[in-house]
Protein backbone atom coordinates (compact mmCIF):
# COMPACT_ATOMS: atom_id res chain seq x y z
CA MET A 1 2.98 40.79 10.52
CA VAL A 2 1.66 42.23 7.25
CA LEU A 3 2.88 45.71 8.14
CA THR A 4 6.33 44.34 9.04
CA LEU A 5 6.67 42.59 5.69
CA LEU A 6 5.49 45.67 3.83
CA CYS A 7 7.94 47.88 5.67
CA ILE A 8 10.80 45.49 4.94
CA SER A 9 9.83 45.55 1.28
CA CYS A 10 9.59 49.33 1.20
CA ASN A 11 12.92 49.67 3.01
CA ALA A 12 14.58 48.17 -0.05
CA ASP A 13 13.74 51.43 -1.84
CA PHE A 14 15.51 53.62 0.71
CA GLU A 15 18.80 55.32 0.00
CA GLU A 16 20.69 56.65 2.99
CA SER A 17 22.90 59.72 2.77
CA THR A 18 26.52 58.93 3.67
CA THR A 19 27.51 62.51 4.48
CA SER A 20 27.80 63.89 7.98
CA SER A 21 27.66 67.57 7.10
CA LYS A 22 26.88 69.82 10.05
CA ASN A 23 25.34 72.39 7.75
CA LYS A 24 22.21 70.66 6.52
CA VAL A 25 20.63 72.03 3.37
CA ASN A 26 17.31 70.47 4.35
CA ASN A 27 16.19 69.92 7.92
CA ILE A 28 13.05 68.10 9.07
CA ASP A 29 12.71 70.59 11.94
CA GLU A 30 11.56 73.19 9.40
CA TYR A 31 8.54 71.04 8.63
CA ILE A 32 7.91 70.08 12.24
CA ALA A 33 7.64 73.83 12.85
CA LEU A 34 4.98 73.92 10.12
CA GLY A 35 3.19 71.13 11.95
CA LYS A 36 3.05 73.24 15.09
CA LEU A 37 0.56 75.50 13.31
CA HIS A 38 -1.68 72.42 13.27
CA ASN A 39 -1.17 72.08 17.02
CA GLU A 40 -2.21 75.69 17.63
CA LEU A 41 -5.61 74.96 16.11
CA LEU A 42 -5.96 71.83 18.24
CA GLU A 43 -5.49 74.07 21.27
CA VAL A 44 -8.40 76.18 20.02
CA ALA A 45 -10.59 73.07 19.82
CA GLU A 46 -9.49 71.78 23.22
CA ASN A 47 -10.16 75.13 24.90
CA ILE A 48 -13.69 75.33 23.50
CA CYS A 49 -14.45 71.72 24.49
CA THR A 50 -13.08 72.37 27.99
CA ILE A 51 -15.32 75.42 28.41
CA ALA A 52 -18.33 73.48 27.14
CA LYS A 53 -17.60 70.67 29.56
CA SER A 54 -17.22 73.08 32.50
CA ARG A 55 -20.66 74.45 31.72
CA SER A 56 -22.09 70.92 31.59
CA GLU A 57 -23.23 71.55 28.06
CA ASP A 58 -24.46 68.62 26.04
CA TYR A 59 -22.35 68.14 22.94
CA PRO A 60 -23.07 64.77 21.32
CA TYR A 61 -20.91 63.67 18.41
CA ILE A 62 -23.35 64.46 15.60
CA GLY A 63 -21.11 65.41 12.68
CA ASN A 64 -20.69 68.56 10.63
CA ASP A 65 -23.98 70.10 11.79
CA SER A 66 -22.87 70.14 15.40
CA ALA A 67 -23.19 73.63 16.91
CA LEU A 68 -20.01 73.02 18.88
CA PHE A 69 -18.08 72.10 15.77
CA ARG A 70 -19.30 75.21 13.95
CA GLN A 71 -18.02 77.26 16.87
CA ILE A 72 -14.66 75.48 16.79
CA HIS A 73 -14.38 75.81 13.01
CA THR A 74 -15.10 79.54 13.11
CA LYS A 75 -12.56 80.09 15.88
CA GLN A 76 -9.94 78.08 13.99
CA LEU A 77 -10.43 80.19 10.86
CA MET A 78 -10.05 83.31 12.99
CA ALA A 79 -6.88 81.90 14.58
CA VAL A 80 -5.35 81.39 11.14
CA GLU A 81 -5.76 85.14 10.48
CA GLU A 82 -3.56 85.84 13.52
CA MET A 83 -0.75 83.48 12.49
CA PRO A 84 2.62 84.93 11.40
CA ILE A 85 2.35 83.59 7.86
CA SER A 86 1.80 85.30 4.53
CA GLU A 87 -1.62 86.27 3.22
CA SER A 88 -1.41 83.63 0.48
CA GLU A 89 -0.55 80.97 3.06
CA LYS A 90 -3.51 82.03 5.18
CA MET A 91 -5.70 81.71 2.10
CA PHE A 92 -4.39 78.19 1.36
CA PHE A 93 -4.82 77.12 5.00
CA LYS A 94 -8.38 78.41 5.34
CA ALA A 95 -9.38 76.95 1.99
CA SER A 96 -8.16 73.55 3.12
CA LEU A 97 -10.00 73.80 6.45
CA ASN A 98 -13.21 74.40 4.51
CA GLU A 99 -12.60 71.83 1.77
CA ASN A 100 -11.75 69.02 4.19
CA ILE A 101 -14.70 69.61 6.52
CA ARG A 102 -16.03 66.09 5.93
CA PHE A 103 -13.04 64.76 7.87
CA TYR A 104 -14.58 66.04 11.08
CA GLN A 105 -16.15 62.59 11.06
CA THR A 106 -13.13 60.38 11.74
CA ASP A 107 -14.58 57.43 9.82
CA ASN A 108 -14.57 59.55 6.66
CA VAL A 109 -10.82 60.04 7.01
CA TYR A 110 -10.10 56.33 6.99
CA GLU A 111 -12.65 55.53 4.29
CA THR A 112 -10.95 58.07 2.04
CA LEU A 113 -7.49 56.78 2.89
CA ASN A 114 -8.47 53.16 2.32
CA GLY A 115 -10.82 53.32 -0.63
CA SER A 116 -12.59 49.95 -0.66
CA ASN A 117 -11.16 48.78 2.67
CA ASN A 118 -7.58 48.88 1.37
CA THR A 119 -4.90 51.45 0.57
CA VAL A 120 -4.89 51.02 -3.19
CA ASN A 121 -6.66 54.26 -4.16
CA ILE A 122 -4.47 56.68 -2.24
CA LEU A 123 -1.33 54.76 -3.18
CA VAL A 124 -2.30 54.85 -6.86
CA ASP A 125 -2.68 58.63 -6.57
CA LEU A 126 0.67 58.79 -4.79
CA HIS A 127 2.33 56.79 -7.55
CA LYS A 128 0.85 59.13 -10.17
CA LEU A 129 2.63 62.01 -8.46
CA TYR A 130 5.88 60.03 -8.75
CA MET A 131 5.28 59.27 -12.42
CA GLU A 132 4.66 62.98 -13.11
CA GLY A 133 7.93 63.90 -11.36
CA ILE A 134 6.23 65.76 -8.50
CA ILE A 135 7.80 63.47 -5.90
CA ASP A 136 10.81 61.15 -6.11
CA HIS A 137 11.06 57.43 -5.36
CA GLN A 138 12.24 58.05 -1.80
CA GLU A 139 9.21 60.19 -0.99
CA GLU A 140 6.90 57.56 -2.41
CA ALA A 141 8.56 54.86 -0.27
CA LEU A 142 8.39 56.98 2.90
CA LEU A 143 4.72 57.85 2.41
CA LYS A 144 3.78 54.26 1.59
CA ILE A 145 5.16 53.17 4.95
CA LEU A 146 3.40 56.03 6.74
CA THR A 147 0.09 55.08 5.08
CA PHE A 148 0.42 51.43 6.10
CA ALA A 149 1.43 52.46 9.63
CA VAL A 150 -1.62 54.70 10.01
CA ASN A 151 -3.91 51.90 8.91
CA SER A 152 -2.19 49.45 11.25
CA ASN A 153 -2.67 51.91 14.10
CA ARG A 154 -6.37 52.11 13.29
CA ARG A 155 -6.65 48.31 13.51
CA ASP A 156 -4.48 47.48 16.53
CA GLY A 157 -4.54 50.79 18.44
CA ASP A 158 -0.77 50.76 19.04
CA HIS A 159 -0.01 54.46 19.38
CA THR A 160 3.55 53.74 20.50
CA LYS A 161 4.31 51.80 17.31
CA LEU A 162 2.95 54.64 15.18
CA LYS A 163 5.04 57.20 17.07
CA VAL A 164 8.19 55.13 16.57
CA THR A 165 7.41 54.72 12.87
CA ILE A 166 6.90 58.46 12.36
CA THR A 167 10.10 59.30 14.27
CA THR A 168 12.04 56.74 12.22
CA LEU A 169 10.64 58.05 8.94
CA CYS A 170 11.62 61.61 9.90
CA LYS A 171 15.18 60.43 10.54
CA LYS A 172 15.29 58.55 7.26
CA TRP A 173 13.98 61.65 5.47
CA GLU A 174 16.68 63.82 6.99
CA ASN A 175 19.47 61.28 6.37
CA TYR A 176 18.55 61.21 2.71
CA TYR A 177 17.67 64.84 1.99
CA GLU A 178 19.95 66.81 4.30
CA ASP A 179 22.60 67.34 1.60
CA LYS A 180 20.36 67.32 -1.48
CA ASP A 181 19.25 70.41 -3.39
CA GLU A 182 17.40 72.97 -1.29
CA LYS A 183 13.75 72.02 -0.78
CA ALA A 184 14.33 68.49 -2.07
CA GLY A 185 11.81 66.16 -0.46
CA GLU A 186 9.53 69.06 0.49
CA PHE A 187 6.31 67.17 -0.32
CA SER A 188 6.98 64.29 2.07
CA GLY A 189 8.85 66.48 4.56
CA GLN A 190 5.75 68.59 5.14
CA ILE A 191 3.55 65.54 5.74
CA LEU A 192 6.07 63.91 8.08
CA GLY A 193 6.64 67.17 9.97
CA ILE A 194 2.90 67.59 10.53
CA ALA A 195 2.60 63.95 11.64
CA LYS A 196 5.51 64.31 14.08
CA ALA A 197 4.19 67.56 15.57
CA SER A 198 0.76 66.01 15.92
CA VAL A 199 2.00 62.91 17.75
CA ASP A 200 4.01 65.13 20.09
CA TRP A 201 0.89 67.22 20.80
CA TRP A 202 -1.17 64.18 21.74
CA ASP A 203 1.64 62.95 23.99
CA GLU A 204 2.01 66.29 25.77
CA ASN A 205 -1.61 67.37 25.82
CA SER A 206 -3.42 67.42 29.14
CA MET A 207 -6.39 65.49 27.75
CA GLU A 208 -6.33 61.83 28.75
CA THR A 209 -5.99 59.85 25.53
CA ARG A 210 -4.71 56.45 26.64
CA ALA A 211 -8.04 54.77 25.88
CA LEU A 212 -8.23 56.31 22.40
CA PRO A 213 -5.01 55.39 20.58
CA ALA A 214 -6.73 54.11 17.44
CA TRP A 215 -7.89 57.65 16.64
CA ILE A 216 -4.50 59.31 16.85
CA GLY A 217 -3.36 58.29 13.35
CA ALA A 218 -6.18 60.31 11.79
CA ASP A 219 -3.97 63.40 11.97
CA ALA A 220 -1.38 61.82 9.69
CA ALA A 221 -4.10 60.34 7.48
CA GLY A 222 -5.67 63.77 7.00
CA ALA A 223 -2.27 65.23 6.09
CA ILE A 224 -1.60 62.49 3.53
CA ILE A 225 -5.00 62.89 1.89
CA GLY A 226 -4.95 66.69 1.93
CA ALA A 227 -1.50 66.83 0.32
CA ILE A 228 -2.06 64.17 -2.34
CA HIS A 229 -5.46 65.47 -3.40
CA ASN A 230 -4.25 69.08 -3.62
CA ALA A 231 -1.14 68.17 -5.59
CA GLY A 232 -3.20 66.07 -7.99
CA THR A 233 -5.73 68.86 -8.49
CA GLN A 234 -3.02 71.47 -9.06
CA TYR A 235 -1.29 69.29 -11.64
CA LEU A 236 -4.54 68.50 -13.44
CA VAL A 237 -5.39 72.20 -13.76
CA ASN A 238 -1.98 73.82 -14.14
CA LYS A 239 0.46 71.01 -15.02
CA ASN A 240 2.50 72.42 -12.17
CA VAL A 241 2.46 72.02 -8.38
CA ASP A 242 3.15 74.68 -5.74
CA LEU A 243 4.50 72.58 -2.87
CA ARG A 244 3.92 75.31 -0.30
CA GLN A 245 0.23 75.21 -1.15
CA VAL A 246 0.38 71.42 -0.79
CA GLY A 247 1.79 71.86 2.72
CA TYR A 248 -1.08 74.05 3.88
CA HIS A 249 -3.61 71.63 2.43
CA ALA A 250 -1.89 68.84 4.35
CA LEU A 251 -2.22 71.03 7.45
CA GLY A 252 -5.92 71.62 6.85
CA GLY A 253 -6.62 67.93 6.36
CA ALA A 254 -4.79 67.09 9.57
CA VAL A 255 -6.47 69.85 11.59
CA ILE A 256 -10.01 68.86 10.64
CA SER A 257 -9.27 65.19 11.29
CA SER A 258 -7.77 66.07 14.67
CA THR A 259 -10.62 68.38 15.61
CA GLY A 260 -13.12 65.54 15.35
CA ILE A 261 -10.89 63.49 17.65
CA VAL A 262 -10.51 66.29 20.20
CA LYS A 263 -14.26 66.52 20.44
CA CYS A 264 -14.61 62.75 20.74
CA VAL A 265 -12.06 62.77 23.57
CA ALA A 266 -13.99 65.51 25.34
CA VAL A 267 -17.23 63.56 25.01
CA TRP A 268 -15.54 60.38 26.22
CA ILE A 269 -14.09 62.15 29.26
CA ASN A 270 -17.48 63.69 30.02
CA LYS A 271 -19.03 60.21 30.05
CA ILE A 272 -16.51 58.63 32.45
CA LEU A 273 -16.20 61.48 34.96
């Protein structure tokens, strides 16, 4: 009920594009493609967990000092080196994977997103980005709804509702930004694209996740936190924000958050089989 009221309130801020141009200046698919880099690193984690399971290895969920996680983390950094992206983008991506390592523990993701058991801290930081002109009012409204949806998913475990929300937000993003200046809405587009690609991966992945829906929103949470913190740091130091760098820090936050979940799923499966 609370989420519904919040979403209705936030929807008042939305402005829909009235054009039906076939030649879109901005397309959400570009950012979903960015999100697929996140999915590639989840495949690395899943493959290592599958091998460990097949060998009947014991891999308890013990946090950042886990030998299995160190193996996964190293392999993910190596996989980034093989990606068809620029050297600077590889540097941004790897830096984010290292900086966000605390999010391997899923509880840390939500504690950071929520502050003192609410969303005020991250939303205050988000609003600061709006006040500094780094994002516009539409991006702030979209990301507010995504933040509330992630927290709702954590509480009620409704993965389907979260998926619908992310899909709807992607459509709203495209309706609004498709005919705006090139790269308009890039900050929120990158986060939404990563979230959409992540949800699709969990739906298509061979791992059984039906009993674990409350964890799935951590991917989007990690992307939100990674992007907002990086943009804030860049602005504090340089009074300027490189949005491409923001995108790779959103990716890193999402990957680390997801990696902890992949391992939890593997442990859970090992216990029930």
